[in-house]
């Protein structure tokens, strides 16, 4: 790992990249809850000893955005959903979170 890029720095870069995705999803009122484990997984996958964190954006697209978009197109998730992103068995998994309706 690059001595200039500590693990926490990489997770902060992941947070920035996820912020871009979350803004795009907000048009559909979709929210993401990405676990710390999933963030660390993306940070480790997106780090390259030669290129540093530059591959991170591509890893987020390949490992998170593309599979999530596919599942949304298949109807697993839709407008207004809250989606938890976690890692299991070396893969990101997506689960619909229960959203509490405001009391009237």
PDB file of N, CA and C in Angstrom:
ATOM      1  N   UNK A   1       0.843  -1.174   0.000  1.00  0.00           N
ATOM      2  CA  UNK A   1       0.000   0.000   0.000  1.00  0.00           C
ATOM      3  C   UNK A   1       0.887   1.236   0.000  1.00  0.00           C
ATOM      4  N   UNK A   2       0.474   2.251  -0.712  1.00  0.00           N
ATOM      5  CA  UNK A   2       1.199   3.505  -0.809  1.00  0.00           C
ATOM      6  C   UNK A   2       1.321   4.110   0.585  1.00  0.00           C
ATOM      7  N   UNK A   3       2.556   4.418   1.000  1.00  0.00           N
ATOM      8  CA  UNK A   3       2.703   4.990   2.340  1.00  0.00           C
ATOM      9  C   UNK A   3       1.951   6.314   2.487  1.00  0.00           C
ATOM     10  N   UNK A   4       1.712   7.020   1.375  1.00  0.00           N
ATOM     11  CA  UNK A   4       0.974   8.279   1.434  1.00  0.00           C
ATOM     12  C   UNK A   4      -0.532   8.051   1.551  1.00  0.00           C
ATOM     13  N   UNK A   5      -0.979   6.850   1.160  1.00  0.00           N
ATOM     14  CA  UNK A   5      -2.406   6.541   1.222  1.00  0.00           C
ATOM     15  C   UNK A   5      -2.653   5.468   2.265  1.00  0.00           C
ATOM     16  N   UNK A   6      -3.110   5.882   3.409  1.00  0.00           N
ATOM     17  CA  UNK A   6      -3.458   4.940   4.466  1.00  0.00           C
ATOM     18  C   UNK A   6      -4.856   4.400   4.200  1.00  0.00           C
ATOM     19  N   UNK A   7      -5.199   3.321   4.877  1.00  0.00           N
ATOM     20  CA  UNK A   7      -6.510   2.708   4.703  1.00  0.00           C
ATOM     21  C   UNK A   7      -7.655   3.682   4.905  1.00  0.00           C
ATOM     22  N   UNK A   8      -7.546   4.527   5.930  1.00  0.00           N
ATOM     23  CA  UNK A   8      -8.617   5.493   6.207  1.00  0.00           C
ATOM     24  C   UNK A   8      -8.729   6.515   5.085  1.00  0.00           C
ATOM     25  N   UNK A   9      -7.592   6.899   4.490  1.00  0.00           N
ATOM     26  CA  UNK A   9      -7.622   7.832   3.363  1.00  0.00           C
ATOM     27  C   UNK A   9      -8.373   7.222   2.190  1.00  0.00           C
ATOM     28  N   UNK A  10      -8.131   5.952   1.938  1.00  0.00           N
ATOM     29  CA  UNK A  10      -8.808   5.269   0.837  1.00  0.00           C
ATOM     30  C   UNK A  10     -10.311   5.186   1.088  1.00  0.00           C
ATOM     31  N   UNK A  11     -10.702   4.924   2.320  1.00  0.00           N
ATOM     32  CA  UNK A  11     -12.131   4.865   2.650  1.00  0.00           C
ATOM     33  C   UNK A  11     -12.766   6.239   2.445  1.00  0.00           C
ATOM     34  N   UNK A  12     -12.040   7.308   2.748  1.00  0.00           N
ATOM     35  CA  UNK A  12     -12.572   8.651   2.512  1.00  0.00           C
ATOM     36  C   UNK A  12     -12.761   8.905   1.022  1.00  0.00           C
ATOM     37  N   UNK A  13     -11.845   8.401   0.200  1.00  0.00           N
ATOM     38  CA  UNK A  13     -11.990   8.524  -1.253  1.00  0.00           C
ATOM     39  C   UNK A  13     -13.204   7.724  -1.714  1.00  0.00           C
ATOM     40  N   UNK A  14     -13.405   6.540  -1.142  1.00  0.00           N
ATOM     41  CA  UNK A  14     -14.603   5.741  -1.448  1.00  0.00           C
ATOM     42  C   UNK A  14     -15.846   6.549  -1.096  1.00  0.00           C
ATOM     43  N   UNK A  15     -15.855   7.188   0.066  1.00  0.00           N
ATOM     44  CA  UNK A  15     -17.007   7.998   0.483  1.00  0.00           C
ATOM     45  C   UNK A  15     -17.308   9.107  -0.531  1.00  0.00           C
ATOM     46  N   UNK A  16     -16.273   9.746  -1.036  1.00  0.00           N
ATOM     47  CA  UNK A  16     -16.460  10.807  -2.031  1.00  0.00           C
ATOM     48  C   UNK A  16     -17.094  10.240  -3.295  1.00  0.00           C
ATOM     49  N   UNK A  17     -16.562   9.118  -3.774  1.00  0.00           N
ATOM     50  CA  UNK A  17     -17.108   8.494  -4.985  1.00  0.00           C
ATOM     51  C   UNK A  17     -18.544   8.024  -4.762  1.00  0.00           C
ATOM     52  N   UNK A  18     -18.823   7.477  -3.590  1.00  0.00           N
ATOM     53  CA  UNK A  18     -20.186   7.033  -3.287  1.00  0.00           C
ATOM     54  C   UNK A  18     -21.141   8.221  -3.220  1.00  0.00           C
ATOM     55  N   UNK A  19     -20.644   9.366  -2.795  1.00  0.00           N
ATOM     56  CA  UNK A  19     -21.472  10.575  -2.753  1.00  0.00           C
ATOM     57  C   UNK A  19     -21.990  10.946  -4.132  1.00  0.00           C
ATOM     58  N   UNK A  20     -21.143  10.777  -5.160  1.00  0.00           N
ATOM     59  CA  UNK A  20     -21.573  11.052  -6.538  1.00  0.00           C
ATOM     60  C   UNK A  20     -22.710  10.115  -6.932  1.00  0.00           C
ATOM     61  N   UNK A  21     -22.561   8.844  -6.605  1.00  0.00           N
ATOM     62  CA  UNK A  21     -23.590   7.850  -6.926  1.00  0.00           C
ATOM     63  C   UNK A  21     -24.878   8.149  -6.153  1.00  0.00           C
ATOM     64  N   UNK A  22     -24.747   8.483  -4.891  1.00  0.00           N
ATOM     65  CA  UNK A  22     -25.926   8.760  -4.065  1.00  0.00           C
ATOM     66  C   UNK A  22     -26.709   9.957  -4.598  1.00  0.00           C
ATOM     67  N   UNK A  23     -26.010  10.971  -5.117  1.00  0.00           N
ATOM     68  CA  UNK A  23     -26.704  12.126  -5.693  1.00  0.00           C
ATOM     69  C   UNK A  23     -27.505  11.719  -6.928  1.00  0.00           C
ATOM     70  N   UNK A  24     -26.935  10.845  -7.757  1.00  0.00           N
ATOM     71  CA  UNK A  24     -27.666  10.376  -8.941  1.00  0.00           C
ATOM     72  C   UNK A  24     -28.882   9.545  -8.534  1.00  0.00           C
ATOM     73  N   UNK A  25     -28.730   8.717  -7.520  1.00  0.00           N
ATOM     74  CA  UNK A  25     -29.842   7.879  -7.066  1.00  0.00           C
ATOM     75  C   UNK A  25     -30.937   8.701  -6.388  1.00  0.00           C
ATOM     76  N   UNK A  26     -30.585   9.853  -5.852  1.00  0.00           N
ATOM     77  CA  UNK A  26     -31.579  10.670  -5.147  1.00  0.00           C
ATOM     78  C   UNK A  26     -32.678  11.154  -6.090  1.00  0.00           C
ATOM     79  N   UNK A  27     -32.411  11.212  -7.394  1.00  0.00           N
ATOM     80  CA  UNK A  27     -33.456  11.564  -8.360  1.00  0.00           C
ATOM     81  C   UNK A  27     -34.608  10.572  -8.294  1.00  0.00           C
ATOM     82  N   UNK A  28     -34.310   9.344  -7.896  1.00  0.00           N
ATOM     83  CA  UNK A  28     -35.318   8.283  -7.784  1.00  0.00           C
ATOM     84  C   UNK A  28     -35.706   8.043  -6.323  1.00  0.00           C
ATOM     85  N   UNK A  29     -35.254   8.939  -5.440  1.00  0.00           N
ATOM     86  CA  UNK A  29     -35.532   8.807  -4.001  1.00  0.00           C
ATOM     87  C   UNK A  29     -34.966   7.504  -3.432  1.00  0.00           C
ATOM     88  N   UNK A  30     -33.899   7.006  -4.054  1.00  0.00           N
ATOM     89  CA  UNK A  30     -33.234   5.787  -3.593  1.00  0.00           C
ATOM     90  C   UNK A  30     -32.054   6.207  -2.721  1.00  0.00           C
ATOM     91  N   UNK A  31     -31.920   5.560  -1.558  1.00  0.00           N
ATOM     92  CA  UNK A  31     -30.789   5.838  -0.681  1.00  0.00           C
ATOM     93  C   UNK A  31     -29.941   4.579  -0.524  1.00  0.00           C
ATOM     94  N   UNK A  32     -28.644   4.787  -0.344  1.00  0.00           N
ATOM     95  CA  UNK A  32     -27.705   3.685  -0.118  1.00  0.00           C
ATOM     96  C   UNK A  32     -27.205   3.741   1.314  1.00  0.00           C
ATOM     97  N   UNK A  33     -27.121   2.586   1.941  1.00  0.00           N
ATOM     98  CA  UNK A  33     -26.497   2.432   3.251  1.00  0.00           C
ATOM     99  C   UNK A  33     -25.330   1.468   3.025  1.00  0.00           C
ATOM    100  N   UNK A  34     -24.131   1.998   2.846  1.00  0.00           N
ATOM    101  CA  UNK A  34     -22.962   1.172   2.549  1.00  0.00           C
ATOM    102  C   UNK A  34     -22.231   0.892   3.855  1.00  0.00           C
ATOM    103  N   UNK A  35     -22.080  -0.390   4.187  1.00  0.00           N
ATOM    104  CA  UNK A  35     -21.418  -0.757   5.439  1.00  0.00           C
ATOM    105  C   UNK A  35     -19.937  -0.410   5.384  1.00  0.00           C
ATOM    106  N   UNK A  36     -19.330  -0.281   6.561  1.00  0.00           N
ATOM    107  CA  UNK A  36     -17.890  -0.027   6.632  1.00  0.00           C
ATOM    108  C   UNK A  36     -17.113  -1.157   5.973  1.00  0.00           C
ATOM    109  N   UNK A  37     -17.589  -2.391   6.128  1.00  0.00           N
ATOM    110  CA  UNK A  37     -16.915  -3.535   5.508  1.00  0.00           C
ATOM    111  C   UNK A  37     -16.937  -3.412   3.989  1.00  0.00           C
ATOM    112  N   UNK A  38     -18.065  -2.979   3.442  1.00  0.00           N
ATOM    113  CA  UNK A  38     -18.173  -2.811   1.989  1.00  0.00           C
ATOM    114  C   UNK A  38     -17.258  -1.686   1.514  1.00  0.00           C
ATOM    115  N   UNK A  39     -17.154  -0.624   2.287  1.00  0.00           N
ATOM    116  CA  UNK A  39     -16.260   0.479   1.923  1.00  0.00           C
ATOM    117  C   UNK A  39     -14.807   0.020   1.930  1.00  0.00           C
ATOM    118  N   UNK A  40     -14.430  -0.741   2.966  1.00  0.00           N
ATOM    119  CA  UNK A  40     -13.051  -1.250   3.031  1.00  0.00           C
ATOM    120  C   UNK A  40     -12.776  -2.197   1.865  1.00  0.00           C
ATOM    121  N   UNK A  41     -13.767  -3.035   1.528  1.00  0.00           N
ATOM    122  CA  UNK A  41     -13.643  -3.954   0.400  1.00  0.00           C
ATOM    123  C   UNK A  41     -13.379  -3.170  -0.889  1.00  0.00           C
ATOM    124  N   UNK A  42     -14.160  -2.127  -1.139  1.00  0.00           N
ATOM    125  CA  UNK A  42     -13.969  -1.313  -2.341  1.00  0.00           C
ATOM    126  C   UNK A  42     -12.611  -0.612  -2.321  1.00  0.00           C
ATOM    127  N   UNK A  43     -12.202  -0.119  -1.144  1.00  0.00           N
ATOM    128  CA  UNK A  43     -10.912   0.556  -1.028  1.00  0.00           C
ATOM    129  C   UNK A  43      -9.766  -0.399  -1.354  1.00  0.00           C
ATOM    130  N   UNK A  44      -9.839  -1.615  -0.836  1.00  0.00           N
ATOM    131  CA  UNK A  44      -8.785  -2.600  -1.107  1.00  0.00           C
ATOM    132  C   UNK A  44      -8.782  -3.019  -2.572  1.00  0.00           C
ATOM    133  N   UNK A  45      -9.973  -3.238  -3.136  1.00  0.00           N
ATOM    134  CA  UNK A  45     -10.079  -3.632  -4.541  1.00  0.00           C
ATOM    135  C   UNK A  45      -9.617  -2.509  -5.471  1.00  0.00           C
ATOM    136  N   UNK A  46      -9.840  -1.262  -5.044  1.00  0.00           N
ATOM    137  CA  UNK A  46      -9.549  -0.118  -5.898  1.00  0.00           C
ATOM    138  C   UNK A  46      -8.160   0.449  -5.742  1.00  0.00           C
ATOM    139  N   UNK A  47      -7.360  -0.145  -4.890  1.00  0.00           N
ATOM    140  CA  UNK A  47      -5.994   0.341  -4.688  1.00  0.00           C
ATOM    141  C   UNK A  47      -5.036  -0.469  -5.533  1.00  0.00           C
ATOM    142  N   UNK A  48      -4.124   0.216  -6.193  1.00  0.00           N
ATOM    143  CA  UNK A  48      -3.082  -0.434  -6.988  1.00  0.00           C
ATOM    144  C   UNK A  48      -1.740   0.152  -6.557  1.00  0.00           C
ATOM    145  N   UNK A  49      -0.725  -0.702  -6.287  1.00  0.00           N
ATOM    146  CA  UNK A  49       0.565  -0.182  -5.822  1.00  0.00           C
ATOM    147  C   UNK A  49       1.199   0.818  -6.790  1.00  0.00           C
ATOM    148  N   UNK A  50       0.961   0.651  -8.082  1.00  0.00           N
ATOM    149  CA  UNK A  50       1.551   1.552  -9.077  1.00  0.00           C
ATOM    150  C   UNK A  50       0.709   2.814  -9.250  1.00  0.00           C
ATOM    151  N   UNK A  51      -0.596   2.640  -9.340  1.00  0.00           N
ATOM    152  CA  UNK A  51      -1.481   3.759  -9.661  1.00  0.00           C
ATOM    153  C   UNK A  51      -2.174   4.375  -8.449  1.00  0.00           C
ATOM    154  N   UNK A  52      -1.942   3.842  -7.263  1.00  0.00           N
ATOM    155  CA  UNK A  52      -2.585   4.378  -6.068  1.00  0.00           C
ATOM    156  C   UNK A  52      -4.080   4.122  -6.091  1.00  0.00           C
ATOM    157  N   UNK A  53      -4.862   5.177  -5.842  1.00  0.00           N
ATOM    158  CA  UNK A  53      -6.323   5.034  -5.770  1.00  0.00           C
ATOM    159  C   UNK A  53      -7.007   5.327  -7.106  1.00  0.00           C
ATOM    160  N   UNK A  54      -6.230   5.578  -8.158  1.00  0.00           N
ATOM    161  CA  UNK A  54      -6.847   5.914  -9.449  1.00  0.00           C
ATOM    162  C   UNK A  54      -7.821   4.871  -9.964  1.00  0.00           C
ATOM    163  N   UNK A  55      -7.573   3.568  -9.781  1.00  0.00           N
ATOM    164  CA  UNK A  55      -8.533   2.569 -10.282  1.00  0.00           C
ATOM    165  C   UNK A  55      -9.834   2.488  -9.478  1.00  0.00           C
ATOM    166  N   UNK A  56      -9.924   3.219  -8.386  1.00  0.00           N
ATOM    167  CA  UNK A  56     -11.064   3.099  -7.478  1.00  0.00           C
ATOM    168  C   UNK A  56     -12.400   3.404  -8.150  1.00  0.00           C
ATOM    169  N   UNK A  57     -12.458   4.451  -8.954  1.00  0.00           N
ATOM    170  CA  UNK A  57     -13.711   4.824  -9.613  1.00  0.00           C
ATOM    171  C   UNK A  57     -14.212   3.685 -10.504  1.00  0.00           C
ATOM    172  N   UNK A  58     -13.310   3.067 -11.222  1.00  0.00           N
ATOM    173  CA  UNK A  58     -13.661   1.949 -12.110  1.00  0.00           C
ATOM    174  C   UNK A  58     -14.131   0.740 -11.296  1.00  0.00           C
ATOM    175  N   UNK A  59     -13.493   0.478 -10.168  1.00  0.00           N
ATOM    176  CA  UNK A  59     -13.892  -0.640  -9.306  1.00  0.00           C
ATOM    177  C   UNK A  59     -15.294  -0.399  -8.745  1.00  0.00           C
ATOM    178  N   UNK A  60     -15.578   0.818  -8.326  1.00  0.00           N
ATOM    179  CA  UNK A  60     -16.915   1.130  -7.816  1.00  0.00           C
ATOM    180  C   UNK A  60     -17.950   0.933  -8.918  1.00  0.00           C
ATOM    181  N   UNK A  61     -17.614   1.342 -10.121  1.00  0.00           N
ATOM    182  CA  UNK A  61     -18.552   1.151 -11.227  1.00  0.00           C
ATOM    183  C   UNK A  61     -18.783  -0.335 -11.494  1.00  0.00           C
ATOM    184  N   UNK A  62     -17.708  -1.104 -11.564  1.00  0.00           N
ATOM    185  CA  UNK A  62     -17.808  -2.530 -11.908  1.00  0.00           C
ATOM    186  C   UNK A  62     -18.432  -3.362 -10.785  1.00  0.00           C
ATOM    187  N   UNK A  63     -18.083  -3.051  -9.539  1.00  0.00           N
ATOM    188  CA  UNK A  63     -18.514  -3.891  -8.412  1.00  0.00           C
ATOM    189  C   UNK A  63     -19.816  -3.432  -7.764  1.00  0.00           C
ATOM    190  N   UNK A  64     -20.138  -2.132  -7.891  1.00  0.00           N
ATOM    191  CA  UNK A  64     -21.321  -1.619  -7.199  1.00  0.00           C
ATOM    192  C   UNK A  64     -22.349  -1.050  -8.183  1.00  0.00           C
ATOM    193  N   UNK A  65     -21.958  -0.049  -8.974  1.00  0.00           N
ATOM    194  CA  UNK A  65     -22.923   0.624  -9.837  1.00  0.00           C
ATOM    195  C   UNK A  65     -23.566  -0.305 -10.860  1.00  0.00           C
ATOM    196  N   UNK A  66     -22.751  -1.032 -11.609  1.00  0.00           N
ATOM    197  CA  UNK A  66     -23.295  -1.892 -12.668  1.00  0.00           C
ATOM    198  C   UNK A  66     -24.218  -2.978 -12.117  1.00  0.00           C
ATOM    199  N   UNK A  67     -23.797  -3.742 -11.086  1.00  0.00           N
ATOM    200  CA  UNK A  67     -24.712  -4.757 -10.549  1.00  0.00           C
ATOM    201  C   UNK A  67     -25.974  -4.147  -9.932  1.00  0.00           C
ATOM    202  N   UNK A  68     -25.842  -3.003  -9.276  1.00  0.00           N
ATOM    203  CA  UNK A  68     -27.010  -2.358  -8.684  1.00  0.00           C
ATOM    204  C   UNK A  68     -27.977  -1.899  -9.778  1.00  0.00           C
ATOM    205  N   UNK A  69     -27.449  -1.315 -10.838  1.00  0.00           N
ATOM    206  CA  UNK A  69     -28.299  -0.885 -11.954  1.00  0.00           C
ATOM    207  C   UNK A  69     -29.027  -2.077 -12.562  1.00  0.00           C
ATOM    208  N   UNK A  70     -28.323  -3.185 -12.701  1.00  0.00           N
ATOM    209  CA  UNK A  70     -28.934  -4.401 -13.257  1.00  0.00           C
ATOM    210  C   UNK A  70     -30.099  -4.861 -12.369  1.00  0.00           C
ATOM    211  N   UNK A  71     -29.878  -4.871 -11.065  1.00  0.00           N
ATOM    212  CA  UNK A  71     -30.934  -5.300 -10.140  1.00  0.00           C
ATOM    213  C   UNK A  71     -32.109  -4.324 -10.140  1.00  0.00           C
ATOM    214  N   UNK A  72     -31.825  -3.040 -10.321  1.00  0.00           N
ATOM    215  CA  UNK A  72     -32.918  -2.070 -10.399  1.00  0.00           C
ATOM    216  C   UNK A  72     -33.723  -2.275 -11.680  1.00  0.00           C
ATOM    217  N   UNK A  73     -33.040  -2.537 -12.786  1.00  0.00           N
ATOM    218  CA  UNK A  73     -33.741  -2.792 -14.048  1.00  0.00           C
ATOM    219  C   UNK A  73     -34.579  -4.061 -13.981  1.00  0.00           C
ATOM    220  N   UNK A  74     -34.117  -5.026 -13.210  1.00  0.00           N
ATOM    221  CA  UNK A  74     -34.867  -6.277 -13.044  1.00  0.00           C
ATOM    222  C   UNK A  74     -36.041  -6.108 -12.082  1.00  0.00           C
ATOM    223  N   UNK A  75     -36.146  -4.951 -11.444  1.00  0.00           N
ATOM    224  CA  UNK A  75     -37.274  -4.671 -10.568  1.00  0.00           C
ATOM    225  C   UNK A  75     -37.079  -5.051  -9.113  1.00  0.00           C
ATOM    226  N   UNK A  76     -35.858  -5.448  -8.744  1.00  0.00           N
ATOM    227  CA  UNK A  76     -35.615  -5.815  -7.350  1.00  0.00           C
ATOM    228  C   UNK A  76     -35.690  -4.590  -6.435  1.00  0.00           C
ATOM    229  N   UNK A  77     -35.270  -3.448  -6.957  1.00  0.00           N
ATOM    230  CA  UNK A  77     -35.310  -2.190  -6.213  1.00  0.00           C
ATOM    231  C   UNK A  77     -35.986  -1.144  -7.082  1.00  0.00           C
ATOM    232  N   UNK A  78     -36.610  -0.175  -6.427  1.00  0.00           N
ATOM    233  CA  UNK A  78     -37.284   0.872  -7.181  1.00  0.00           C
ATOM    234  C   UNK A  78     -37.275   2.194  -6.446  1.00  0.00           C
ATOM    235  N   UNK A  79     -38.018   3.132  -7.005  1.00  0.00           N
ATOM    236  CA  UNK A  79     -38.104   4.468  -6.430  1.00  0.00           C
ATOM    237  C   UNK A  79     -38.516   4.396  -4.962  1.00  0.00           C
ATOM    238  N   UNK A  80     -37.813   5.173  -4.147  1.00  0.00           N
ATOM    239  CA  UNK A  80     -38.133   5.260  -2.730  1.00  0.00           C
ATOM    240  C   UNK A  80     -37.475   4.211  -1.855  1.00  0.00           C
ATOM    241  N   UNK A  81     -36.758   3.271  -2.444  1.00  0.00           N
ATOM    242  CA  UNK A  81     -36.134   2.208  -1.653  1.00  0.00           C
ATOM    243  C   UNK A  81     -34.858   2.683  -0.961  1.00  0.00           C
ATOM    244  N   UNK A  82     -34.570   2.062   0.166  1.00  0.00           N
ATOM    245  CA  UNK A  82     -33.301   2.222   0.859  1.00  0.00           C
ATOM    246  C   UNK A  82     -32.566   0.895   0.706  1.00  0.00           C
ATOM    247  N   UNK A  83     -31.345   0.950   0.178  1.00  0.00           N
ATOM    248  CA  UNK A  83     -30.606  -0.261  -0.156  1.00  0.00           C
ATOM    249  C   UNK A  83     -29.352  -0.353   0.704  1.00  0.00           C
ATOM    250  N   UNK A  84     -29.220  -1.464   1.408  1.00  0.00           N
ATOM    251  CA  UNK A  84     -28.015  -1.729   2.202  1.00  0.00           C
ATOM    252  C   UNK A  84     -27.030  -2.478   1.314  1.00  0.00           C
ATOM    253  N   UNK A  85     -25.787  -1.977   1.285  1.00  0.00           N
ATOM    254  CA  UNK A  85     -24.714  -2.609   0.522  1.00  0.00           C
ATOM    255  C   UNK A  85     -23.726  -3.183   1.525  1.00  0.00           C
ATOM    256  N   UNK A  86     -23.498  -4.484   1.437  1.00  0.00           N
ATOM    257  CA  UNK A  86     -22.580  -5.164   2.342  1.00  0.00           C
ATOM    258  C   UNK A  86     -21.692  -6.072   1.501  1.00  0.00           C
ATOM    259  N   UNK A  87     -20.758  -6.747   2.143  1.00  0.00           N
ATOM    260  CA  UNK A  87     -19.887  -7.678   1.428  1.00  0.00           C
ATOM    261  C   UNK A  87     -20.019  -9.049   2.072  1.00  0.00           C
ATOM    262  N   UNK A  88     -20.113 -10.042   1.220  1.00  0.00           N
ATOM    263  CA  UNK A  88     -20.212 -11.417   1.698  1.00  0.00           C
ATOM    264  C   UNK A  88     -19.548 -12.318   0.654  1.00  0.00           C
ATOM    265  N   UNK A  89     -18.635 -13.166   1.108  1.00  0.00           N
ATOM    266  CA  UNK A  89     -17.979 -14.100   0.196  1.00  0.00           C
ATOM    267  C   UNK A  89     -17.223 -13.423  -0.932  1.00  0.00           C
ATOM    268  N   UNK A  90     -16.632 -12.272  -0.654  1.00  0.00           N
ATOM    269  CA  UNK A  90     -15.860 -11.574  -1.674  1.00  0.00           C
ATOM    270  C   UNK A  90     -16.703 -10.868  -2.726  1.00  0.00           C
ATOM    271  N   UNK A  91     -17.987 -10.688  -2.450  1.00  0.00           N
ATOM    272  CA  UNK A  91     -18.892 -10.008  -3.380  1.00  0.00           C
ATOM    273  C   UNK A  91     -19.725  -8.983  -2.620  1.00  0.00           C
ATOM    274  N   UNK A  92     -20.073  -7.907  -3.302  1.00  0.00           N
ATOM    275  CA  UNK A  92     -21.014  -6.965  -2.710  1.00  0.00           C
ATOM    276  C   UNK A  92     -22.413  -7.535  -2.853  1.00  0.00           C
ATOM    277  N   UNK A  93     -23.203  -7.361  -1.811  1.00  0.00           N
ATOM    278  CA  UNK A  93     -24.599  -7.808  -1.852  1.00  0.00           C
ATOM    279  C   UNK A  93     -25.496  -6.603  -1.572  1.00  0.00           C
ATOM    280  N   UNK A  94     -26.686  -6.654  -2.127  1.00  0.00           N
ATOM    281  CA  UNK A  94     -27.646  -5.566  -1.998  1.00  0.00           C
ATOM    282  C   UNK A  94     -28.907  -6.104  -1.343  1.00  0.00           C
ATOM    283  N   UNK A  95     -29.356  -5.429  -0.295  1.00  0.00           N
ATOM    284  CA  UNK A  95     -30.567  -5.838   0.413  1.00  0.00           C
ATOM    285  C   UNK A  95     -31.452  -4.623   0.626  1.00  0.00           C
ATOM    286  N   UNK A  96     -32.744  -4.803   0.413  1.00  0.00           N
ATOM    287  CA  UNK A  96     -33.696  -3.720   0.640  1.00  0.00           C
ATOM    288  C   UNK A  96     -33.876  -3.548   2.141  1.00  0.00           C
ATOM    289  N   UNK A  97     -33.729  -2.314   2.600  1.00  0.00           N
ATOM    290  CA  UNK A  97     -33.920  -1.979   4.002  1.00  0.00           C
ATOM    291  C   UNK A  97     -35.356  -1.521   4.198  1.00  0.00           C
ATOM    292  N   UNK A  98     -35.916  -1.846   5.330  1.00  0.00           N
ATOM    293  CA  UNK A  98     -37.262  -1.370   5.653  1.00  0.00           C
ATOM    294  C   UNK A  98     -37.203   0.131   5.896  1.00  0.00           C
ATOM    295  N   UNK A  99     -38.120   0.838   5.292  1.00  0.00           N
ATOM    296  CA  UNK A  99     -38.202   2.283   5.472  1.00  0.00           C
ATOM    297  C   UNK A  99     -39.438   2.571   6.310  1.00  0.00           C
ATOM    298  N   UNK A 100     -39.218   3.238   7.424  1.00  0.00           N
ATOM    299  CA  UNK A 100     -40.332   3.579   8.306  1.00  0.00           C
ATOM    300  C   UNK A 100     -41.069   4.789   7.755  1.00  0.00           C
ATOM    301  N   UNK A 101     -42.366   4.665   7.646  1.00  0.00           N
ATOM    302  CA  UNK A 101     -43.198   5.778   7.195  1.00  0.00           C
ATOM    303  C   UNK A 101     -43.353   6.759   8.354  1.00  0.00           C
ATOM    304  N   UNK A 102     -43.341   8.059   8.055  1.00  0.00           N
ATOM    305  CA  UNK A 102     -43.526   9.026   9.139  1.00  0.00           C
ATOM    306  C   UNK A 102     -44.924   8.900   9.741  1.00  0.00           C
ATOM    307  N   UNK A 103     -44.999   9.104  11.049  1.00  0.00           N
ATOM    308  CA  UNK A 103     -46.294   9.033  11.739  1.00  0.00           C
ATOM    309  C   UNK A 103     -47.156  10.217  11.319  1.00  0.00           C
ATOM    310  N   UNK A 104     -48.421   9.956  11.157  1.00  0.00           N
ATOM    311  CA  UNK A 104     -49.345  11.020  10.732  1.00  0.00           C
ATOM    312  C   UNK A 104     -50.126  11.538  11.907  1.00  0.00           C
TER     313      UNK A 104
END
